[in-house]
N, C-alpha and C. Protein backbone atom coordinates (compact mmCIF):
# COMPACT_ATOMS: atom_id res chain seq x y z
N MET A 1 0.84 -1.19 0.00
CA MET A 1 0.00 0.00 0.00
C MET A 1 0.88 1.25 0.00
N SER A 2 0.64 2.18 -0.95
CA SER A 2 1.44 3.40 -1.03
C SER A 2 1.09 4.32 0.14
N VAL A 3 2.00 5.27 0.40
CA VAL A 3 1.76 6.20 1.49
C VAL A 3 0.52 7.04 1.22
N PHE A 4 0.28 7.37 -0.08
CA PHE A 4 -0.89 8.19 -0.41
C PHE A 4 -2.18 7.42 -0.15
N THR A 5 -2.19 6.14 -0.51
CA THR A 5 -3.39 5.32 -0.29
C THR A 5 -3.68 5.18 1.20
N ARG A 6 -2.64 4.93 1.98
CA ARG A 6 -2.81 4.77 3.43
C ARG A 6 -3.30 6.07 4.06
N ILE A 7 -2.69 7.18 3.69
CA ILE A 7 -3.09 8.47 4.26
C ILE A 7 -4.52 8.79 3.86
N SER A 8 -4.86 8.52 2.60
CA SER A 8 -6.22 8.78 2.12
C SER A 8 -7.24 7.97 2.90
N ASP A 9 -6.92 6.70 3.18
CA ASP A 9 -7.84 5.86 3.95
C ASP A 9 -8.05 6.41 5.35
N ILE A 10 -6.96 6.88 5.96
CA ILE A 10 -7.05 7.41 7.33
C ILE A 10 -7.85 8.71 7.35
N ILE A 11 -7.55 9.59 6.40
CA ILE A 11 -8.21 10.89 6.37
C ILE A 11 -9.71 10.74 6.11
N ASN A 12 -10.05 9.80 5.24
CA ASN A 12 -11.46 9.61 4.87
C ASN A 12 -12.22 8.71 5.85
N SER A 13 -11.53 8.15 6.82
CA SER A 13 -12.19 7.25 7.77
C SER A 13 -13.16 8.04 8.65
N ASN A 14 -14.25 7.38 9.01
CA ASN A 14 -15.26 7.99 9.87
C ASN A 14 -14.98 7.59 11.31
N LEU A 15 -14.44 8.53 12.06
CA LEU A 15 -14.06 8.24 13.45
C LEU A 15 -15.27 7.89 14.30
N ASN A 16 -16.37 8.58 14.09
CA ASN A 16 -17.57 8.31 14.88
C ASN A 16 -18.06 6.88 14.67
N ALA A 17 -18.08 6.45 13.40
CA ALA A 17 -18.55 5.10 13.09
C ALA A 17 -17.65 4.05 13.71
N MET A 18 -16.36 4.29 13.68
CA MET A 18 -15.41 3.33 14.27
C MET A 18 -15.60 3.22 15.77
N LEU A 19 -15.83 4.35 16.42
CA LEU A 19 -16.00 4.34 17.88
C LEU A 19 -17.34 3.72 18.27
N ASP A 20 -18.37 3.95 17.45
CA ASP A 20 -19.68 3.37 17.74
C ASP A 20 -19.64 1.84 17.71
N LYS A 21 -18.82 1.29 16.80
CA LYS A 21 -18.75 -0.16 16.67
C LYS A 21 -17.79 -0.80 17.68
N ALA A 22 -16.95 0.00 18.30
CA ALA A 22 -15.92 -0.54 19.18
C ALA A 22 -16.50 -0.97 20.51
N GLU A 23 -16.04 -2.14 21.00
CA GLU A 23 -16.45 -2.60 22.32
C GLU A 23 -15.77 -1.76 23.41
N ASP A 24 -14.55 -1.32 23.12
CA ASP A 24 -13.80 -0.49 24.06
C ASP A 24 -13.39 0.79 23.32
N PRO A 25 -14.25 1.83 23.31
CA PRO A 25 -13.95 3.05 22.56
C PRO A 25 -12.65 3.72 22.98
N GLU A 26 -12.34 3.66 24.30
CA GLU A 26 -11.11 4.30 24.79
C GLU A 26 -9.88 3.63 24.17
N LYS A 27 -9.89 2.29 24.13
CA LYS A 27 -8.79 1.56 23.53
C LYS A 27 -8.72 1.81 22.03
N MET A 28 -9.88 1.84 21.39
CA MET A 28 -9.93 2.06 19.95
C MET A 28 -9.36 3.42 19.58
N VAL A 29 -9.72 4.46 20.33
CA VAL A 29 -9.24 5.80 19.99
C VAL A 29 -7.74 5.90 20.21
N ARG A 30 -7.19 5.17 21.20
CA ARG A 30 -5.74 5.15 21.38
C ARG A 30 -5.06 4.53 20.17
N LEU A 31 -5.63 3.43 19.67
CA LEU A 31 -5.06 2.76 18.50
C LEU A 31 -5.15 3.66 17.25
N ILE A 32 -6.27 4.36 17.13
CA ILE A 32 -6.45 5.27 16.00
C ILE A 32 -5.41 6.38 16.04
N ILE A 33 -5.21 6.96 17.21
CA ILE A 33 -4.22 8.04 17.35
C ILE A 33 -2.82 7.51 17.05
N GLN A 34 -2.52 6.30 17.54
CA GLN A 34 -1.22 5.71 17.27
C GLN A 34 -0.99 5.52 15.77
N GLU A 35 -2.01 5.00 15.09
CA GLU A 35 -1.88 4.79 13.64
C GLU A 35 -1.73 6.12 12.91
N MET A 36 -2.49 7.12 13.32
CA MET A 36 -2.38 8.43 12.68
C MET A 36 -1.00 9.05 12.88
N GLU A 37 -0.48 8.93 14.10
CA GLU A 37 0.84 9.50 14.38
C GLU A 37 1.93 8.76 13.60
N GLU A 38 1.78 7.43 13.46
CA GLU A 38 2.74 6.68 12.64
C GLU A 38 2.65 7.11 11.18
N ALA A 39 1.42 7.33 10.71
CA ALA A 39 1.24 7.78 9.33
C ALA A 39 1.82 9.17 9.14
N LEU A 40 1.69 10.03 10.16
CA LEU A 40 2.23 11.39 10.07
C LEU A 40 3.75 11.34 9.98
N VAL A 41 4.37 10.46 10.76
CA VAL A 41 5.83 10.29 10.68
C VAL A 41 6.22 9.82 9.29
N GLU A 42 5.45 8.88 8.75
CA GLU A 42 5.74 8.33 7.43
C GLU A 42 5.60 9.40 6.34
N VAL A 43 4.53 10.19 6.40
CA VAL A 43 4.33 11.19 5.37
C VAL A 43 5.37 12.30 5.47
N ARG A 44 5.82 12.62 6.67
CA ARG A 44 6.88 13.63 6.82
C ARG A 44 8.21 13.09 6.31
N SER A 45 8.45 11.80 6.56
CA SER A 45 9.66 11.18 6.03
C SER A 45 9.65 11.18 4.50
N THR A 46 8.50 10.85 3.93
CA THR A 46 8.36 10.89 2.47
C THR A 46 8.54 12.32 1.95
N SER A 47 8.02 13.28 2.67
CA SER A 47 8.17 14.69 2.27
C SER A 47 9.63 15.10 2.30
N ALA A 48 10.34 14.65 3.34
CA ALA A 48 11.76 15.00 3.46
C ALA A 48 12.55 14.44 2.28
N ARG A 49 12.25 13.19 1.90
CA ARG A 49 12.94 12.60 0.76
C ARG A 49 12.61 13.35 -0.53
N ALA A 50 11.35 13.74 -0.68
CA ALA A 50 10.93 14.46 -1.88
C ALA A 50 11.61 15.83 -1.96
N ILE A 51 11.74 16.49 -0.81
CA ILE A 51 12.41 17.80 -0.78
C ILE A 51 13.89 17.64 -1.16
N ALA A 52 14.52 16.59 -0.62
CA ALA A 52 15.93 16.33 -0.96
C ALA A 52 16.08 16.02 -2.44
N ASP A 53 15.15 15.23 -3.00
CA ASP A 53 15.19 14.92 -4.44
C ASP A 53 15.02 16.20 -5.27
N LYS A 54 14.14 17.09 -4.80
CA LYS A 54 13.91 18.33 -5.53
C LYS A 54 15.17 19.18 -5.56
N LYS A 55 15.85 19.28 -4.43
CA LYS A 55 17.09 20.06 -4.38
C LYS A 55 18.14 19.47 -5.33
N GLU A 56 18.24 18.14 -5.35
CA GLU A 56 19.21 17.49 -6.23
C GLU A 56 18.87 17.75 -7.70
N LEU A 57 17.57 17.66 -8.04
CA LEU A 57 17.16 17.90 -9.42
C LEU A 57 17.39 19.36 -9.83
N GLN A 58 17.17 20.26 -8.89
CA GLN A 58 17.42 21.67 -9.19
C GLN A 58 18.89 21.91 -9.50
N ARG A 59 19.76 21.26 -8.70
CA ARG A 59 21.20 21.40 -8.98
C ARG A 59 21.54 20.81 -10.35
N ARG A 60 20.95 19.63 -10.65
CA ARG A 60 21.22 18.98 -11.94
C ARG A 60 20.69 19.84 -13.09
N SER A 61 19.52 20.45 -12.88
CA SER A 61 18.97 21.31 -13.93
C SER A 61 19.90 22.49 -14.22
N GLN A 62 20.42 23.10 -13.15
CA GLN A 62 21.34 24.23 -13.33
C GLN A 62 22.61 23.80 -14.07
N TRP A 63 23.13 22.62 -13.71
CA TRP A 63 24.34 22.14 -14.37
C TRP A 63 24.09 21.86 -15.85
N LEU A 64 22.94 21.21 -16.14
CA LEU A 64 22.62 20.89 -17.52
C LEU A 64 22.37 22.16 -18.34
N GLU A 65 21.71 23.14 -17.73
CA GLU A 65 21.51 24.41 -18.42
C GLU A 65 22.84 25.07 -18.73
N GLY A 66 23.78 24.96 -17.78
CA GLY A 66 25.13 25.48 -18.02
C GLY A 66 25.82 24.74 -19.15
N GLU A 67 25.64 23.40 -19.20
CA GLU A 67 26.21 22.59 -20.27
C GLU A 67 25.63 23.01 -21.61
N ALA A 68 24.31 23.19 -21.67
CA ALA A 68 23.69 23.59 -22.93
C ALA A 68 24.22 24.94 -23.39
N ALA A 69 24.36 25.87 -22.45
CA ALA A 69 24.89 27.19 -22.79
C ALA A 69 26.34 27.10 -23.27
N GLU A 70 27.11 26.24 -22.65
CA GLU A 70 28.52 26.07 -23.06
C GLU A 70 28.62 25.48 -24.46
N TRP A 71 27.79 24.48 -24.78
CA TRP A 71 27.82 23.90 -26.13
C TRP A 71 27.32 24.91 -27.15
N GLN A 72 26.41 25.76 -26.76
CA GLN A 72 25.97 26.84 -27.65
C GLN A 72 27.13 27.79 -27.95
N ARG A 73 27.88 28.12 -26.91
CA ARG A 73 29.04 29.01 -27.11
C ARG A 73 30.08 28.38 -28.02
N LYS A 74 30.33 27.05 -27.80
CA LYS A 74 31.33 26.36 -28.63
C LYS A 74 30.88 26.29 -30.09
N ALA A 75 29.58 26.09 -30.29
CA ALA A 75 29.07 26.05 -31.67
C ALA A 75 29.29 27.39 -32.36
N GLU A 76 29.06 28.47 -31.61
CA GLU A 76 29.27 29.80 -32.18
C GLU A 76 30.74 30.04 -32.50
N VAL A 77 31.63 29.55 -31.64
CA VAL A 77 33.08 29.68 -31.90
C VAL A 77 33.46 28.92 -33.17
N ALA A 78 32.93 27.70 -33.28
CA ALA A 78 33.25 26.87 -34.45
C ALA A 78 32.76 27.52 -35.74
N VAL A 79 31.55 28.09 -35.67
CA VAL A 79 31.02 28.78 -36.85
C VAL A 79 31.91 29.97 -37.21
N GLY A 80 32.37 30.67 -36.16
CA GLY A 80 33.22 31.83 -36.39
C GLY A 80 34.55 31.45 -37.03
N LYS A 81 34.99 30.24 -36.78
CA LYS A 81 36.27 29.77 -37.33
C LYS A 81 36.06 29.03 -38.65
N GLY A 82 34.82 29.01 -39.09
CA GLY A 82 34.55 28.33 -40.35
C GLY A 82 34.52 26.82 -40.24
N ARG A 83 34.31 26.31 -39.02
CA ARG A 83 34.25 24.85 -38.82
C ARG A 83 32.79 24.46 -38.58
N ASP A 84 32.07 24.41 -39.71
CA ASP A 84 30.66 24.04 -39.58
C ASP A 84 30.48 22.63 -39.05
N ASP A 85 31.41 21.74 -39.35
CA ASP A 85 31.29 20.37 -38.86
C ASP A 85 31.35 20.33 -37.34
N LEU A 86 32.29 21.11 -36.76
CA LEU A 86 32.38 21.17 -35.30
C LEU A 86 31.16 21.87 -34.69
N ALA A 87 30.68 22.85 -35.41
CA ALA A 87 29.50 23.58 -34.93
C ALA A 87 28.29 22.65 -34.84
N LYS A 88 28.15 21.78 -35.89
CA LYS A 88 27.04 20.82 -35.87
C LYS A 88 27.16 19.86 -34.68
N GLY A 89 28.38 19.40 -34.42
CA GLY A 89 28.59 18.50 -33.27
C GLY A 89 28.27 19.18 -31.96
N ALA A 90 28.67 20.46 -31.83
CA ALA A 90 28.41 21.21 -30.60
C ALA A 90 26.91 21.44 -30.42
N LEU A 91 26.24 21.73 -31.53
CA LEU A 91 24.79 21.94 -31.44
C LEU A 91 24.05 20.65 -31.06
N ALA A 92 24.55 19.52 -31.57
CA ALA A 92 23.95 18.24 -31.20
C ALA A 92 24.08 17.99 -29.70
N GLU A 93 25.25 18.29 -29.14
CA GLU A 93 25.47 18.13 -27.69
C GLU A 93 24.59 19.10 -26.90
N ARG A 94 24.46 20.32 -27.48
CA ARG A 94 23.57 21.30 -26.81
C ARG A 94 22.15 20.78 -26.74
N ASN A 95 21.69 20.18 -27.84
CA ASN A 95 20.32 19.65 -27.88
C ASN A 95 20.13 18.53 -26.86
N LYS A 96 21.13 17.66 -26.72
CA LYS A 96 21.06 16.59 -25.72
C LYS A 96 20.95 17.18 -24.31
N ALA A 97 21.77 18.18 -24.05
CA ALA A 97 21.74 18.82 -22.72
C ALA A 97 20.39 19.47 -22.47
N GLN A 98 19.83 20.09 -23.52
CA GLN A 98 18.54 20.75 -23.37
C GLN A 98 17.42 19.74 -23.14
N GLU A 99 17.49 18.60 -23.82
CA GLU A 99 16.49 17.54 -23.60
C GLU A 99 16.57 17.03 -22.16
N ALA A 100 17.79 16.90 -21.66
CA ALA A 100 17.96 16.47 -20.27
C ALA A 100 17.38 17.51 -19.32
N VAL A 101 17.56 18.80 -19.67
CA VAL A 101 16.99 19.87 -18.84
C VAL A 101 15.47 19.77 -18.82
N ASN A 102 14.88 19.55 -20.00
CA ASN A 102 13.42 19.43 -20.08
C ASN A 102 12.92 18.24 -19.25
N ALA A 103 13.65 17.12 -19.30
CA ALA A 103 13.25 15.94 -18.53
C ALA A 103 13.32 16.24 -17.04
N VAL A 104 14.37 16.94 -16.63
CA VAL A 104 14.52 17.29 -15.21
C VAL A 104 13.38 18.22 -14.77
N HIS A 105 13.00 19.16 -15.64
CA HIS A 105 11.90 20.07 -15.30
C HIS A 105 10.59 19.32 -15.11
N GLU A 106 10.37 18.29 -15.95
CA GLU A 106 9.17 17.46 -15.80
C GLU A 106 9.18 16.75 -14.44
N GLU A 107 10.35 16.23 -14.05
CA GLU A 107 10.46 15.57 -12.74
C GLU A 107 10.23 16.58 -11.62
N LEU A 108 10.73 17.79 -11.80
CA LEU A 108 10.52 18.82 -10.78
C LEU A 108 9.05 19.18 -10.64
N ASN A 109 8.35 19.26 -11.76
CA ASN A 109 6.91 19.55 -11.71
C ASN A 109 6.15 18.44 -10.99
N LEU A 110 6.54 17.18 -11.27
CA LEU A 110 5.91 16.06 -10.60
C LEU A 110 6.20 16.09 -9.09
N LEU A 111 7.43 16.42 -8.73
CA LEU A 111 7.79 16.52 -7.31
C LEU A 111 7.02 17.64 -6.63
N ASP A 112 6.87 18.77 -7.31
CA ASP A 112 6.11 19.88 -6.72
C ASP A 112 4.66 19.45 -6.45
N SER A 113 4.08 18.71 -7.39
CA SER A 113 2.72 18.21 -7.20
C SER A 113 2.66 17.25 -6.02
N THR A 114 3.68 16.39 -5.94
CA THR A 114 3.74 15.42 -4.84
C THR A 114 3.87 16.13 -3.49
N LEU A 115 4.76 17.13 -3.44
CA LEU A 115 4.97 17.87 -2.19
C LEU A 115 3.71 18.64 -1.79
N SER A 116 3.00 19.17 -2.78
CA SER A 116 1.75 19.87 -2.47
C SER A 116 0.73 18.92 -1.86
N LYS A 117 0.64 17.71 -2.42
CA LYS A 117 -0.28 16.70 -1.88
C LYS A 117 0.15 16.27 -0.48
N LEU A 118 1.45 16.08 -0.29
CA LEU A 118 1.95 15.68 1.02
C LEU A 118 1.68 16.78 2.05
N ASN A 119 1.86 18.03 1.66
CA ASN A 119 1.61 19.14 2.58
C ASN A 119 0.14 19.18 2.98
N SER A 120 -0.74 18.93 2.01
CA SER A 120 -2.18 18.89 2.30
C SER A 120 -2.50 17.72 3.23
N ASP A 121 -1.85 16.57 2.99
CA ASP A 121 -2.09 15.39 3.82
C ASP A 121 -1.61 15.61 5.25
N VAL A 122 -0.48 16.30 5.39
CA VAL A 122 0.03 16.59 6.74
C VAL A 122 -0.98 17.44 7.52
N GLY A 123 -1.52 18.48 6.86
CA GLY A 123 -2.51 19.32 7.52
C GLY A 123 -3.76 18.54 7.90
N ALA A 124 -4.23 17.69 6.97
CA ALA A 124 -5.43 16.90 7.25
C ALA A 124 -5.19 15.90 8.38
N LEU A 125 -4.01 15.29 8.38
CA LEU A 125 -3.68 14.31 9.43
C LEU A 125 -3.58 14.99 10.80
N GLN A 126 -2.96 16.15 10.83
CA GLN A 126 -2.84 16.87 12.10
C GLN A 126 -4.22 17.24 12.64
N ALA A 127 -5.12 17.63 11.75
CA ALA A 127 -6.50 17.95 12.18
C ALA A 127 -7.19 16.70 12.71
N LYS A 128 -6.98 15.56 12.03
CA LYS A 128 -7.57 14.29 12.47
C LYS A 128 -7.04 13.89 13.85
N ILE A 129 -5.73 14.04 14.03
CA ILE A 129 -5.11 13.67 15.31
C ILE A 129 -5.65 14.57 16.42
N LYS A 130 -5.77 15.87 16.14
CA LYS A 130 -6.30 16.80 17.13
C LYS A 130 -7.72 16.41 17.52
N ASP A 131 -8.54 16.08 16.53
CA ASP A 131 -9.92 15.67 16.79
C ASP A 131 -9.97 14.38 17.60
N ALA A 132 -9.11 13.43 17.22
CA ALA A 132 -9.09 12.14 17.93
C ALA A 132 -8.66 12.32 19.38
N LYS A 133 -7.67 13.18 19.61
CA LYS A 133 -7.21 13.41 20.99
C LYS A 133 -8.29 14.10 21.82
N ALA A 134 -9.03 15.00 21.18
CA ALA A 134 -10.15 15.64 21.90
C ALA A 134 -11.21 14.60 22.25
N ARG A 135 -11.48 13.68 21.31
CA ARG A 135 -12.44 12.60 21.59
C ARG A 135 -11.90 11.70 22.70
N GLN A 136 -10.59 11.47 22.68
CA GLN A 136 -9.98 10.60 23.69
C GLN A 136 -10.21 11.18 25.09
N ASN A 137 -9.99 12.48 25.25
CA ASN A 137 -10.20 13.12 26.55
C ASN A 137 -11.67 13.03 26.96
N ALA A 138 -12.57 13.27 26.00
CA ALA A 138 -14.00 13.21 26.31
C ALA A 138 -14.40 11.79 26.71
N ILE A 139 -13.89 10.81 25.96
CA ILE A 139 -14.21 9.41 26.27
C ILE A 139 -13.66 9.02 27.63
N LEU A 140 -12.45 9.51 27.94
CA LEU A 140 -11.85 9.20 29.25
C LEU A 140 -12.69 9.76 30.38
N VAL A 141 -13.15 11.01 30.22
CA VAL A 141 -13.99 11.63 31.26
C VAL A 141 -15.31 10.87 31.40
N ARG A 142 -15.91 10.52 30.25
CA ARG A 142 -17.16 9.77 30.29
C ARG A 142 -16.97 8.40 30.93
N GLY A 143 -15.82 7.77 30.62
CA GLY A 143 -15.54 6.45 31.20
C GLY A 143 -15.39 6.53 32.71
N GLN A 144 -14.67 7.56 33.19
CA GLN A 144 -14.50 7.73 34.63
C GLN A 144 -15.84 7.99 35.31
N ALA A 145 -16.66 8.82 34.68
CA ALA A 145 -17.98 9.11 35.25
C ALA A 145 -18.84 7.85 35.28
N ALA A 146 -18.77 7.06 34.22
CA ALA A 146 -19.56 5.83 34.16
C ALA A 146 -19.10 4.84 35.23
N GLN A 147 -17.78 4.74 35.43
CA GLN A 147 -17.26 3.84 36.45
C GLN A 147 -17.72 4.28 37.85
N ALA A 148 -17.70 5.60 38.08
CA ALA A 148 -18.15 6.10 39.38
C ALA A 148 -19.63 5.80 39.60
N ARG A 149 -20.43 6.03 38.56
CA ARG A 149 -21.87 5.73 38.67
C ARG A 149 -22.11 4.25 38.88
N LEU A 150 -21.32 3.42 38.18
CA LEU A 150 -21.46 1.97 38.32
C LEU A 150 -21.13 1.55 39.74
N GLY A 151 -20.07 2.17 40.32
CA GLY A 151 -19.70 1.85 41.70
C GLY A 151 -20.81 2.17 42.67
N VAL A 152 -21.44 3.34 42.46
CA VAL A 152 -22.55 3.74 43.34
C VAL A 152 -23.71 2.77 43.20
N ARG A 153 -24.02 2.42 41.95
CA ARG A 153 -25.13 1.48 41.73
C ARG A 153 -24.86 0.13 42.39
N ARG A 154 -23.61 -0.30 42.31
CA ARG A 154 -23.27 -1.59 42.94
C ARG A 154 -23.43 -1.52 44.46
N GLN A 155 -22.99 -0.40 45.02
CA GLN A 155 -23.14 -0.25 46.47
C GLN A 155 -24.61 -0.23 46.86
N LEU A 156 -25.40 0.48 46.08
CA LEU A 156 -26.84 0.52 46.37
C LEU A 156 -27.47 -0.85 46.23
N SER A 157 -26.95 -1.62 45.27
CA SER A 157 -27.49 -2.96 45.05
C SER A 157 -27.09 -3.90 46.18
N GLU A 158 -25.84 -3.76 46.67
CA GLU A 158 -25.35 -4.65 47.73
C GLU A 158 -26.00 -4.34 49.07
N HIS A 159 -26.30 -3.08 49.31
CA HIS A 159 -26.93 -2.70 50.58
C HIS A 159 -28.38 -2.31 50.30
N ASN A 160 -29.29 -3.06 50.91
CA ASN A 160 -30.71 -2.83 50.66
C ASN A 160 -31.13 -1.49 51.26
N ILE A 161 -31.39 -0.53 50.39
CA ILE A 161 -31.73 0.81 50.84
C ILE A 161 -33.09 0.84 51.54
N ASP A 162 -34.03 0.01 51.07
CA ASP A 162 -35.36 -0.01 51.69
C ASP A 162 -35.27 -0.44 53.14
N ASP A 163 -34.45 -1.47 53.41
CA ASP A 163 -34.27 -1.92 54.80
C ASP A 163 -33.67 -0.82 55.65
N ALA A 164 -32.70 -0.11 55.09
CA ALA A 164 -32.05 0.96 55.84
C ALA A 164 -33.06 2.06 56.18
N LEU A 165 -33.90 2.39 55.22
CA LEU A 165 -34.92 3.41 55.46
C LEU A 165 -35.93 2.96 56.51
N GLN A 166 -36.28 1.69 56.47
CA GLN A 166 -37.21 1.16 57.47
C GLN A 166 -36.60 1.25 58.87
N ARG A 167 -35.31 0.90 58.97
CA ARG A 167 -34.65 0.99 60.28
C ARG A 167 -34.59 2.44 60.75
N PHE A 168 -34.34 3.33 59.82
CA PHE A 168 -34.29 4.74 60.17
C PHE A 168 -35.66 5.22 60.68
N GLU A 169 -36.73 4.78 60.04
CA GLU A 169 -38.07 5.15 60.47
C GLU A 169 -38.39 4.56 61.85
N MET A 170 -37.86 3.35 62.12
CA MET A 170 -38.05 2.75 63.45
C MET A 170 -37.38 3.60 64.52
N TYR A 171 -36.17 4.08 64.23
CA TYR A 171 -35.47 4.92 65.21
C TYR A 171 -36.22 6.23 65.42
N GLU A 172 -36.77 6.78 64.35
CA GLU A 172 -37.55 8.01 64.49
C GLU A 172 -38.78 7.76 65.36
N ARG A 173 -39.43 6.61 65.19
CA ARG A 173 -40.60 6.27 65.99
C ARG A 173 -40.24 6.13 67.47
N LYS A 174 -39.08 5.52 67.73
CA LYS A 174 -38.64 5.38 69.12
C LYS A 174 -38.43 6.75 69.75
N MET A 175 -37.83 7.68 68.97
CA MET A 175 -37.63 9.02 69.49
C MET A 175 -38.98 9.70 69.76
N ASP A 176 -39.94 9.47 68.88
CA ASP A 176 -41.28 10.04 69.10
C ASP A 176 -41.88 9.50 70.39
N ASP A 177 -41.68 8.19 70.63
CA ASP A 177 -42.23 7.59 71.86
C ASP A 177 -41.59 8.19 73.09
N LEU A 178 -40.26 8.37 73.05
CA LEU A 178 -39.57 8.96 74.21
C LEU A 178 -40.03 10.38 74.47
N GLU A 179 -40.12 11.15 73.40
CA GLU A 179 -40.58 12.53 73.56
C GLU A 179 -42.02 12.56 74.07
N GLY A 180 -42.85 11.61 73.59
CA GLY A 180 -44.23 11.54 74.05
C GLY A 180 -44.29 11.24 75.54
N GLN A 181 -43.43 10.35 76.04
CA GLN A 181 -43.41 10.03 77.47
C GLN A 181 -43.02 11.26 78.29
N ILE A 182 -42.04 11.99 77.77
CA ILE A 182 -41.60 13.18 78.51
C ILE A 182 -42.73 14.21 78.57
N GLU A 183 -43.38 14.42 77.45
CA GLU A 183 -44.45 15.41 77.40
C GLU A 183 -45.65 14.98 78.24
N SER A 184 -45.84 13.65 78.41
CA SER A 184 -46.99 13.18 79.20
C SER A 184 -46.85 13.57 80.66
N TYR A 185 -45.58 13.66 81.16
CA TYR A 185 -45.38 14.06 82.55
C TYR A 185 -45.74 15.52 82.77
N ASP A 186 -45.69 16.29 81.72
CA ASP A 186 -46.02 17.70 81.86
C ASP A 186 -47.51 17.97 81.75
N MET A 187 -48.27 16.94 81.37
CA MET A 187 -49.71 17.15 81.21
C MET A 187 -50.36 17.40 82.56
N GLY A 188 -51.29 18.35 82.67
CA GLY A 188 -52.01 18.67 83.92
C GLY A 188 -51.23 19.61 84.81
N GLN A 189 -50.03 19.89 84.50
CA GLN A 189 -49.25 20.79 85.33
C GLN A 189 -49.23 22.17 84.69
N LYS A 190 -49.61 23.17 85.55
CA LYS A 190 -49.68 24.53 85.04
C LYS A 190 -48.32 25.20 85.17
N THR A 191 -48.01 25.92 84.15
CA THR A 191 -46.77 26.68 84.17
C THR A 191 -47.02 28.03 84.82
N LEU A 192 -45.97 28.76 85.09
CA LEU A 192 -46.08 30.09 85.67
C LEU A 192 -46.93 31.00 84.78
N ALA A 193 -46.71 30.87 83.52
CA ALA A 193 -47.49 31.70 82.59
C ALA A 193 -48.97 31.35 82.67
N ASP A 194 -49.27 30.04 82.82
CA ASP A 194 -50.67 29.63 82.91
C ASP A 194 -51.32 30.21 84.16
N GLU A 195 -50.61 30.17 85.28
CA GLU A 195 -51.18 30.68 86.54
C GLU A 195 -51.44 32.18 86.45
N ILE A 196 -50.49 32.90 85.86
CA ILE A 196 -50.67 34.35 85.71
C ILE A 196 -51.85 34.63 84.81
N GLU A 197 -51.99 33.85 83.77
CA GLU A 197 -53.12 34.02 82.86
C GLU A 197 -54.44 33.76 83.59
N ASP A 198 -54.44 32.75 84.50
CA ASP A 198 -55.65 32.47 85.29
C ASP A 198 -56.00 33.66 86.19
N LEU A 199 -54.98 34.27 86.82
CA LEU A 199 -55.21 35.43 87.67
C LEU A 199 -55.83 36.57 86.89
N GLU A 200 -55.29 36.79 85.70
CA GLU A 200 -55.84 37.87 84.86
C GLU A 200 -57.28 37.58 84.49
N LEU A 201 -57.57 36.28 84.22
CA LEU A 201 -58.94 35.91 83.87
C LEU A 201 -59.88 36.11 85.07
N ASP A 202 -59.41 35.74 86.29
CA ASP A 202 -60.23 35.93 87.50
C ASP A 202 -60.51 37.42 87.72
N GLU A 203 -59.49 38.22 87.51
CA GLU A 203 -59.65 39.66 87.70
C GLU A 203 -60.67 40.21 86.72
N GLN A 204 -60.62 39.71 85.52
CA GLN A 204 -61.59 40.17 84.52
C GLN A 204 -63.01 39.76 84.91
N LEU A 205 -63.13 38.50 85.38
CA LEU A 205 -64.45 38.02 85.80
C LEU A 205 -64.99 38.82 87.00
N ASP A 206 -64.10 39.12 87.96
CA ASP A 206 -64.51 39.92 89.12
C ASP A 206 -65.03 41.28 88.66
N SER A 207 -64.35 41.86 87.71
CA SER A 207 -64.78 43.17 87.20
C SER A 207 -66.15 43.09 86.58
N GLU A 208 -66.36 42.00 85.81
CA GLU A 208 -67.65 41.83 85.15
C GLU A 208 -68.77 41.64 86.20
N VAL A 209 -68.46 40.87 87.25
CA VAL A 209 -69.46 40.64 88.32
C VAL A 209 -69.82 41.96 89.00
N GLU A 210 -68.81 42.78 89.34
CA GLU A 210 -69.07 44.06 90.00
C GLU A 210 -69.89 44.97 89.10
N ALA A 211 -69.58 44.93 87.82
CA ALA A 211 -70.33 45.77 86.87
C ALA A 211 -71.78 45.31 86.80
N MET A 212 -71.96 43.96 86.84
CA MET A 212 -73.31 43.43 86.79
C MET A 212 -74.10 43.86 88.04
N LYS A 213 -73.44 43.80 89.23
CA LYS A 213 -74.12 44.21 90.48
C LYS A 213 -74.54 45.68 90.40
N THR A 214 -73.66 46.45 89.95
CA THR A 214 -73.94 47.89 89.86
C THR A 214 -75.13 48.14 88.93
N ARG A 215 -75.13 47.44 87.80
CA ARG A 215 -76.21 47.62 86.84
C ARG A 215 -77.54 47.17 87.43
N LEU A 216 -77.51 46.01 88.17
CA LEU A 216 -78.74 45.51 88.73
C LEU A 216 -79.28 46.44 89.80
N LYS A 217 -78.35 47.03 90.62
CA LYS A 217 -78.80 47.98 91.65
C LYS A 217 -79.43 49.22 90.99
N GLY A 218 -78.83 49.61 89.95
CA GLY A 218 -79.38 50.78 89.21
C GLY A 218 -80.77 50.50 88.70
N ASN A 219 -81.01 49.32 88.22
CA ASN A 219 -82.33 48.96 87.70
C ASN A 219 -83.37 48.89 88.83
N GLY A 220 -82.92 48.37 90.06
CA GLY A 220 -83.87 48.28 91.20
C GLY A 220 -84.29 49.67 91.68
N SER A 221 -83.41 50.57 91.75
CA SER A 221 -83.73 51.92 92.21
C SER A 221 -84.72 52.58 91.26
N SER A 222 -84.54 52.37 90.00
CA SER A 222 -85.43 52.98 89.02
C SER A 222 -86.83 52.39 89.12
N ASN A 223 -86.93 51.10 89.47
CA ASN A 223 -88.24 50.47 89.60
C ASN A 223 -88.99 50.99 90.80
N ALA A 224 -88.28 51.26 91.92
CA ALA A 224 -88.94 51.77 93.11
C ALA A 224 -89.51 53.17 92.86
């Protein structure tokens, strides 16, 4: 499998679908990140080789262009000396050098296209890795929360909560009984406030009685 095919498969892969099918999403996302990082190393290594090849071809192109120019100069010298035969030979060599230059330029164009694709793949891979690592953190947090909830559920399952609540209600009832016994001793006993209130009530009744006597005496005098 070529590096381009492998990178294309990774970039076009649906991370959500892979995680949905995974029995262990946390483990799966670790493997995905590992594969992406290995692919990133590979594509950068390929890019480095392509850049080195480009530099070498550029040097070769410059040398060949110099060769073509030199054979052109020699052909002109030969023509100037009346040596058309030598001029033809020099021009033939110039043409060979120029053909080599053209071939090198074609290779350089292909390398430029390759480097452009590799650069695009590096950016896409880095974005994929960033997304996967963000998912990894989210999955880790969700996993920890799920484990904590599972632990609580297990504890609730192991300890019968209904029984505990019933025992708690029994203790509350016992406290009610004790408080009821204490309050029963206070029944029938008047407090200081109660006695003072009784005195005030007696005083009020005495006043009403005196008022009634006065009124009745007033009525008797009027009848006489």
